Amino acid sequence: MNSPAEIAKNYLNTGTAKTQLPIAKMFVLSIFAGMFIAIAGVGATTAAVSIASPSVAKLVGACIFPAGLALSLIAGSELFTGNCLIIMPVLSKKATVGAMLKNWLVVYAGNFVGALIVSSLVVYSHTFNLFDGNLAASAVATADAKCALSFFDAFLRGIMCNLLVCLGVWMAFAATDVAGKIIGLYFPVMIFVLCGFEHSVANMYYISSGLMASDLYQIAAANLSIGNFIGNLIPVTLGNIVGGFIVGIGYWYAYIKHN
């Protein structure tokens, strides 16, 4: 197992390499990550939808969702939330702020494309017909609830989410085998889903699929609109950046910075 100090040193090289990827490859890999997170969202909703107890349903969905980060890290992809840790090589002057921002912009766009691909495939294949259409109703209700969040609530939940996601990435870097990586990332991601924290890439899937399902199945939703979709993504994304910076800057200071 890698120690925290070894993880920090290893991530400097990993994060720097991420900023040096050719844009086309960066974009393709980010599409994969958006698809992987969206697929995890489909699985989590499907597993939970027919469970009567809300708390048990939430727990079951949370147990499924870590598959998204597992796919992203092990299969190979570029995920915006995890890439907030690129602040570490920036602070160590191994990457520039401009290179970090370019990575974020390309990866965020690719994640969005990947999430929309899965949303479209799931909705228009009528997968949401499952359980007598209750899966469609659940998807719309989830999206509507996310769109109803205030800016400040969404921002704070975004911080908590990516604090946990980046800790999951960090713990996965401690392992040197696939099983260890999955175990390392599993519990932080499970906790963020269980607690209802907000992940920008997951919301790209959840809200877009809810919008599509609302239209296709004619399910009314008071707060669900493209404007509110954007209004959710802005604070959640900002919160995700802050959460990622808490982990990245904190561990950079503890293990990399020379006093």
Protein backbone atom coordinates (compact mmCIF):
# COMPACT_ATOMS: atom_id res chain seq x y z
CA MET A 1 0.00 0.00 0.00
CA ASN A 2 1.20 3.51 -0.77
CA SER A 3 1.46 5.86 2.18
CA PRO A 4 -0.30 9.26 2.07
CA ALA A 5 3.07 10.91 1.35
CA GLU A 6 3.64 8.50 -1.55
CA ILE A 7 0.14 9.15 -2.87
CA ALA A 8 0.83 12.88 -2.87
CA LYS A 9 4.11 12.48 -4.77
CA ASN A 10 2.55 10.05 -7.27
CA TYR A 11 -0.37 12.38 -7.94
CA LEU A 12 2.00 15.18 -8.91
CA ASN A 13 3.04 13.10 -11.91
CA THR A 14 -0.49 11.88 -12.63
CA GLY A 15 -2.03 15.34 -12.44
CA THR A 16 0.71 16.86 -14.57
CA ALA A 17 0.20 14.17 -17.23
CA LYS A 18 -3.51 14.95 -17.28
CA THR A 19 -2.82 18.55 -18.30
CA GLN A 20 -0.50 17.39 -21.09
CA LEU A 21 -2.97 15.09 -22.85
CA PRO A 22 -3.82 16.11 -26.43
CA ILE A 23 -7.20 17.83 -26.42
CA ALA A 24 -8.88 15.23 -28.66
CA LYS A 25 -7.81 12.36 -26.41
CA MET A 26 -8.72 14.35 -23.30
CA PHE A 27 -12.20 14.93 -24.72
CA VAL A 28 -12.77 11.28 -25.67
CA LEU A 29 -11.66 10.08 -22.24
CA SER A 30 -13.92 12.64 -20.58
CA ILE A 31 -16.91 11.41 -22.60
CA PHE A 32 -16.23 7.97 -21.16
CA ALA A 33 -16.20 9.34 -17.61
CA GLY A 34 -19.52 11.11 -18.16
CA MET A 35 -20.99 7.87 -19.46
CA PHE A 36 -19.59 5.85 -16.55
CA ILE A 37 -21.05 8.18 -13.92
CA ALA A 38 -24.38 8.24 -15.77
CA ILE A 39 -24.48 4.44 -15.98
CA ALA A 40 -23.93 4.31 -12.23
CA GLY A 41 -26.82 6.75 -11.84
CA VAL A 42 -29.10 4.53 -13.92
CA GLY A 43 -28.16 1.52 -11.81
CA ALA A 44 -28.60 3.34 -8.52
CA THR A 45 -32.08 4.62 -9.45
CA THR A 46 -33.19 1.26 -10.83
CA ALA A 47 -32.07 -0.59 -7.70
CA ALA A 48 -33.81 1.81 -5.34
CA VAL A 49 -37.05 2.65 -7.12
CA SER A 50 -39.26 -0.18 -5.89
CA ILE A 51 -38.13 -0.04 -2.23
CA ALA A 52 -40.86 1.43 -0.04
CA SER A 53 -38.64 2.78 2.74
CA PRO A 54 -36.93 6.00 1.56
CA SER A 55 -33.90 5.49 3.80
CA VAL A 56 -33.38 1.90 2.67
CA ALA A 57 -33.88 2.90 -0.96
CA LYS A 58 -31.27 5.62 -0.53
CA LEU A 59 -28.84 3.15 1.00
CA VAL A 60 -29.31 0.61 -1.79
CA GLY A 61 -28.77 3.24 -4.47
CA ALA A 62 -25.70 4.51 -2.63
CA CYS A 63 -24.25 1.00 -2.60
CA ILE A 64 -24.52 0.81 -6.41
CA PHE A 65 -23.27 4.28 -7.36
CA PRO A 66 -19.54 3.80 -6.56
CA ALA A 67 -19.38 1.69 -9.73
CA GLY A 68 -19.17 4.99 -11.62
CA LEU A 69 -15.94 6.13 -10.00
CA ALA A 70 -14.56 2.58 -10.16
CA LEU A 71 -15.14 2.54 -13.93
CA SER A 72 -13.66 6.01 -14.28
CA LEU A 73 -10.44 5.23 -12.41
CA ILE A 74 -9.81 1.66 -13.49
CA ALA A 75 -11.11 1.58 -17.07
CA GLY A 76 -9.42 4.91 -17.80
CA SER A 77 -11.15 8.26 -18.24
CA GLU A 78 -11.07 11.94 -17.30
CA LEU A 79 -13.55 13.06 -14.64
CA PHE A 80 -13.95 16.74 -13.80
CA THR A 81 -14.49 16.29 -10.07
CA GLY A 82 -11.42 14.12 -9.58
CA ASN A 83 -9.38 16.48 -11.74
CA CYS A 84 -9.89 19.24 -9.19
CA LEU A 85 -6.85 17.61 -7.54
CA ILE A 86 -4.73 19.03 -10.37
CA ILE A 87 -4.32 21.99 -8.02
CA MET A 88 -1.51 19.92 -6.44
CA PRO A 89 0.87 19.97 -9.44
CA VAL A 90 -0.11 23.61 -10.01
CA LEU A 91 1.02 24.51 -6.49
CA SER A 92 4.20 22.54 -7.08
CA LYS A 93 4.78 24.46 -10.35
CA LYS A 94 4.68 21.27 -12.41
CA ALA A 95 1.56 22.53 -14.24
CA THR A 96 0.23 26.02 -14.92
CA VAL A 97 -3.11 27.47 -13.89
CA GLY A 98 -3.92 27.83 -17.60
CA ALA A 99 -3.23 24.15 -18.24
CA MET A 100 -5.46 23.20 -15.32
CA LEU A 101 -8.29 25.40 -16.55
CA LYS A 102 -7.96 24.03 -20.09
CA ASN A 103 -8.22 20.50 -18.71
CA TRP A 104 -11.26 21.41 -16.65
CA LEU A 105 -13.03 23.06 -19.59
CA VAL A 106 -12.43 20.18 -22.00
CA VAL A 107 -13.19 17.50 -19.43
CA TYR A 108 -16.34 19.22 -18.16
CA ALA A 109 -17.67 19.50 -21.71
CA GLY A 110 -16.81 15.87 -22.46
CA ASN A 111 -18.41 14.69 -19.22
CA PHE A 112 -21.57 16.55 -20.22
CA VAL A 113 -21.60 14.91 -23.64
CA GLY A 114 -21.13 11.46 -22.08
CA ALA A 115 -23.93 12.04 -19.60
CA LEU A 116 -26.28 13.23 -22.36
CA ILE A 117 -25.48 10.16 -24.47
CA VAL A 118 -26.50 7.82 -21.65
CA SER A 119 -29.57 9.92 -20.80
CA SER A 120 -30.73 9.75 -24.40
CA LEU A 121 -30.10 6.02 -24.74
CA VAL A 122 -31.87 5.18 -21.48
CA VAL A 123 -34.89 7.43 -21.96
CA TYR A 124 -35.54 6.81 -25.64
CA SER A 125 -34.97 3.06 -25.35
CA HIS A 126 -37.90 3.23 -22.90
CA THR A 127 -35.82 1.68 -20.14
CA PHE A 128 -37.78 3.97 -17.82
CA ASN A 129 -40.87 1.84 -18.54
CA LEU A 130 -39.54 -0.53 -15.87
CA PHE A 131 -41.72 -1.12 -12.81
CA ASP A 132 -44.85 0.13 -14.59
CA GLY A 133 -43.27 3.47 -15.37
CA ASN A 134 -42.21 4.12 -11.79
CA LEU A 135 -38.61 4.42 -12.93
CA ALA A 136 -39.59 7.35 -15.16
CA ALA A 137 -41.50 8.97 -12.30
CA SER A 138 -38.51 8.52 -9.98
CA ALA A 139 -36.11 10.04 -12.52
CA VAL A 140 -38.34 13.09 -12.94
CA ALA A 141 -38.81 13.49 -9.17
CA THR A 142 -35.06 13.30 -8.57
CA ALA A 143 -34.34 15.90 -11.25
CA ASP A 144 -37.11 18.16 -9.97
CA ALA A 145 -35.76 18.04 -6.41
CA LYS A 146 -32.26 18.93 -7.59
CA CYS A 147 -33.60 21.89 -9.56
CA ALA A 148 -35.47 23.11 -6.49
CA LEU A 149 -32.31 23.51 -4.39
CA SER A 150 -31.26 27.02 -3.47
CA PHE A 151 -27.92 28.28 -4.77
CA PHE A 152 -26.34 28.16 -1.32
CA ASP A 153 -27.62 24.66 -0.49
CA ALA A 154 -26.40 23.34 -3.85
CA PHE A 155 -23.02 25.00 -3.33
CA LEU A 156 -22.50 23.56 0.15
CA ARG A 157 -23.64 20.10 -0.92
CA GLY A 158 -21.23 20.36 -3.83
CA ILE A 159 -18.38 21.03 -1.41
CA MET A 160 -19.26 18.01 0.71
CA CYS A 161 -19.64 15.81 -2.36
CA ASN A 162 -16.27 16.47 -3.89
CA LEU A 163 -14.53 16.42 -0.54
CA LEU A 164 -15.64 12.78 -0.40
CA VAL A 165 -15.07 11.99 -4.09
CA CYS A 166 -11.50 13.32 -3.99
CA LEU A 167 -10.88 11.37 -0.79
CA GLY A 168 -12.16 8.32 -2.66
CA VAL A 169 -9.70 9.00 -5.48
CA TRP A 170 -6.95 9.58 -2.91
CA MET A 171 -7.66 6.28 -1.16
CA ALA A 172 -7.79 4.43 -4.49
CA PHE A 173 -4.27 5.73 -5.18
CA ALA A 174 -3.15 4.02 -1.96
CA ALA A 175 -3.81 0.60 -3.50
CA THR A 176 -1.67 -1.16 -6.06
CA ASP A 177 -4.31 -3.68 -7.23
CA VAL A 178 -7.80 -3.37 -8.71
CA ALA A 179 -9.64 -4.81 -5.68
CA GLY A 180 -7.85 -2.46 -3.33
CA LYS A 181 -8.67 0.55 -5.49
CA ILE A 182 -12.38 -0.33 -5.53
CA ILE A 183 -12.45 -0.87 -1.77
CA GLY A 184 -10.62 2.42 -1.22
CA LEU A 185 -13.01 4.54 -3.26
CA TYR A 186 -16.19 2.69 -2.29
CA PHE A 187 -17.13 4.11 1.10
CA PRO A 188 -16.49 7.83 0.48
CA VAL A 189 -18.62 7.69 -2.68
CA MET A 190 -21.32 5.63 -0.99
CA ILE A 191 -21.52 8.19 1.82
CA PHE A 192 -21.86 11.17 -0.51
CA VAL A 193 -24.77 9.53 -2.34
CA LEU A 194 -26.41 8.35 0.88
CA CYS A 195 -26.30 11.86 2.32
CA GLY A 196 -27.66 13.52 -0.82
CA PHE A 197 -24.63 15.65 -1.63
CA GLU A 198 -24.37 17.12 -5.12
CA HIS A 199 -22.02 15.92 -7.88
CA SER A 200 -21.94 18.08 -11.01
CA VAL A 201 -21.30 15.23 -13.46
CA ALA A 202 -23.92 12.99 -11.86
CA ASN A 203 -26.39 15.87 -12.11
CA MET A 204 -25.63 16.19 -15.82
CA TYR A 205 -27.21 12.75 -16.10
CA TYR A 206 -29.89 12.97 -13.42
CA ILE A 207 -31.36 16.29 -14.53
CA SER A 208 -31.04 15.74 -18.29
CA SER A 209 -32.69 12.32 -18.03
CA GLY A 210 -35.41 13.84 -15.87
CA LEU A 211 -36.04 16.55 -18.47
CA MET A 212 -36.23 13.99 -21.28
CA ALA A 213 -38.46 11.64 -19.28
CA SER A 214 -40.77 14.47 -18.24
CA ASP A 215 -41.30 15.32 -21.90
CA LEU A 216 -41.59 11.75 -23.19
CA TYR A 217 -43.84 10.42 -20.43
CA GLN A 218 -45.72 13.68 -19.89
CA ILE A 219 -44.87 13.85 -16.19
CA ALA A 220 -45.32 17.32 -14.71
CA ALA A 221 -42.53 18.79 -12.58
CA ALA A 222 -42.79 22.28 -11.10
CA ASN A 223 -39.09 23.10 -10.93
CA LEU A 224 -37.71 21.13 -13.85
CA SER A 225 -36.45 23.34 -16.69
CA ILE A 226 -33.29 23.96 -18.67
CA GLY A 227 -32.81 27.25 -16.81
CA ASN A 228 -32.99 25.53 -13.43
CA PHE A 229 -30.72 22.77 -14.76
CA ILE A 230 -28.03 25.39 -15.41
CA GLY A 231 -28.94 27.04 -12.11
CA ASN A 232 -28.12 23.78 -10.34
CA LEU A 233 -24.90 23.04 -12.21
CA ILE A 234 -23.31 26.43 -11.50
CA PRO A 235 -23.32 26.28 -7.68
CA VAL A 236 -22.71 22.53 -7.58
CA THR A 237 -19.69 22.88 -9.89
CA LEU A 238 -18.29 25.74 -7.81
CA GLY A 239 -18.82 23.69 -4.65
CA ASN A 240 -17.14 20.68 -6.24
CA ILE A 241 -14.09 22.82 -7.01
CA VAL A 242 -13.91 24.03 -3.42
CA GLY A 243 -14.31 20.50 -2.06
CA GLY A 244 -11.56 19.22 -4.35
CA PHE A 245 -9.30 22.11 -3.35
CA ILE A 246 -9.75 21.33 0.34
CA VAL A 247 -8.34 17.85 -0.25
CA GLY A 248 -5.72 18.85 -2.82
CA ILE A 249 -4.36 21.93 -1.06
CA GLY A 250 -4.50 20.29 2.35
CA TYR A 251 -2.51 17.24 1.33
CA TRP A 252 -0.13 19.30 -0.80
CA TYR A 253 0.66 21.39 2.28
CA ALA A 254 1.00 18.35 4.53
CA TYR A 255 3.12 16.15 2.25
CA ILE A 256 4.64 18.18 -0.58
CA LYS A 257 5.29 21.74 0.58
CA HIS A 258 8.78 22.30 1.93
CA ASN A 259 8.80 24.44 5.05
